[in-house]
Amino acid sequence: MSFSAVVVDIREESRVAGRQRWQVLLDRTEFTAGDTGELEAVARSGALLLVPVLGAVEDGGEIWLQVEKPLAAGTEVTGCVEAKG
């Protein structure tokens, strides 16, 4: 299942051994807690960015997506939720 959305917020989740992990919040989502999948965006250079969604967590009634590549607020994305087994 795919959907269009816009990144509205981003926060650092963790930093271990020089590797950062981020959480992004979208203006709308089809992800639910525990889901994985992918976000697709277009960089300013025009390059296609594929960002794996490693997980989704609920915090204060919002679904935050766990990613290793930060996406700036205002970035338009296409999300794709992986089918559950």
Protein backbone atom coordinates (compact mmCIF):
# COMPACT_ATOMS: atom_id res chain seq x y z
CA MET A 1 0.00 0.00 0.00
CA SER A 2 1.47 3.37 -0.97
CA PHE A 3 0.49 6.91 -0.03
CA SER A 4 1.73 10.49 -0.40
CA ALA A 5 2.71 12.65 2.57
CA VAL A 6 4.94 15.49 3.74
CA VAL A 7 7.55 15.34 6.52
CA VAL A 8 6.40 17.68 9.31
CA ASP A 9 9.01 16.95 12.01
CA ILE A 10 12.23 15.04 12.61
CA ARG A 11 14.12 14.13 15.76
CA GLU A 12 17.24 12.17 16.57
CA GLU A 13 16.41 8.82 18.14
CA SER A 14 19.91 7.59 18.92
CA ARG A 15 23.61 7.94 18.13
CA VAL A 16 25.81 4.87 18.57
CA ALA A 17 29.40 4.50 17.35
CA GLY A 18 29.00 7.48 15.03
CA ARG A 19 25.77 6.18 13.47
CA GLN A 20 22.61 8.18 13.88
CA ARG A 21 19.05 6.94 13.81
CA TRP A 22 16.18 9.35 13.25
CA GLN A 23 12.44 9.48 13.68
CA VAL A 24 10.30 11.36 11.16
CA LEU A 25 6.69 12.44 11.52
CA LEU A 26 4.49 12.70 8.43
CA ASP A 27 1.37 14.81 7.94
CA ARG A 28 -0.46 11.56 7.16
CA THR A 29 0.54 7.91 7.22
CA GLU A 30 -0.64 4.38 6.55
CA PHE A 31 2.06 3.01 8.90
CA THR A 32 1.01 1.66 12.28
CA ALA A 33 3.22 0.78 15.25
CA GLY A 34 5.54 -2.10 14.38
CA ASP A 35 5.32 -1.67 10.58
CA THR A 36 8.32 -1.47 8.25
CA GLY A 37 8.57 -0.28 4.67
CA GLU A 38 10.12 2.50 2.62
CA LEU A 39 9.90 6.22 1.94
CA GLU A 40 10.72 7.61 -1.49
CA ALA A 41 11.67 11.25 -1.99
CA VAL A 42 13.41 13.41 -4.58
CA ALA A 43 16.56 15.26 -3.48
CA ARG A 44 17.19 18.88 -4.48
CA SER A 45 19.66 17.51 -7.04
CA GLY A 46 16.85 15.51 -8.62
CA ALA A 47 18.22 12.18 -7.39
CA LEU A 48 15.71 9.62 -6.16
CA LEU A 49 16.13 8.80 -2.46
CA LEU A 50 14.94 5.46 -1.10
CA VAL A 51 14.81 5.52 2.69
CA PRO A 52 14.08 2.23 4.49
CA VAL A 53 11.60 2.52 7.36
CA LEU A 54 13.09 0.28 10.05
CA GLY A 55 10.07 0.52 12.33
CA ALA A 56 7.19 2.69 13.42
CA VAL A 57 6.46 3.73 16.99
CA GLU A 58 3.52 5.50 18.59
CA ASP A 59 4.29 8.49 20.81
CA GLY A 60 1.52 10.71 22.14
CA GLY A 61 -0.95 9.45 19.57
CA GLU A 62 1.43 10.11 16.66
CA ILE A 63 3.23 7.53 14.52
CA TRP A 64 6.96 8.26 14.19
CA LEU A 65 8.94 6.37 11.54
CA GLN A 66 12.43 5.11 12.39
CA VAL A 67 14.99 5.80 9.63
CA GLU A 68 18.77 6.08 9.26
CA LYS A 69 18.64 8.90 6.69
CA PRO A 70 17.15 12.20 7.88
CA LEU A 71 14.56 13.91 5.70
CA ALA A 72 13.98 17.63 6.22
CA ALA A 73 10.62 19.01 7.27
CA GLY A 74 8.67 19.95 4.16
CA THR A 75 10.01 17.04 2.09
CA GLU A 76 7.32 15.35 -0.01
CA VAL A 77 7.48 11.55 0.19
CA THR A 78 5.74 8.49 -1.09
CA GLY A 79 5.42 5.86 1.62
CA CYS A 80 5.08 2.14 1.09
CA VAL A 81 4.17 -0.18 3.96
CA GLU A 82 5.51 -3.75 3.70
CA ALA A 83 2.85 -6.42 3.72
CA LYS A 84 2.75 -8.36 6.98
CA GLY A 85 3.59 -11.99 6.69
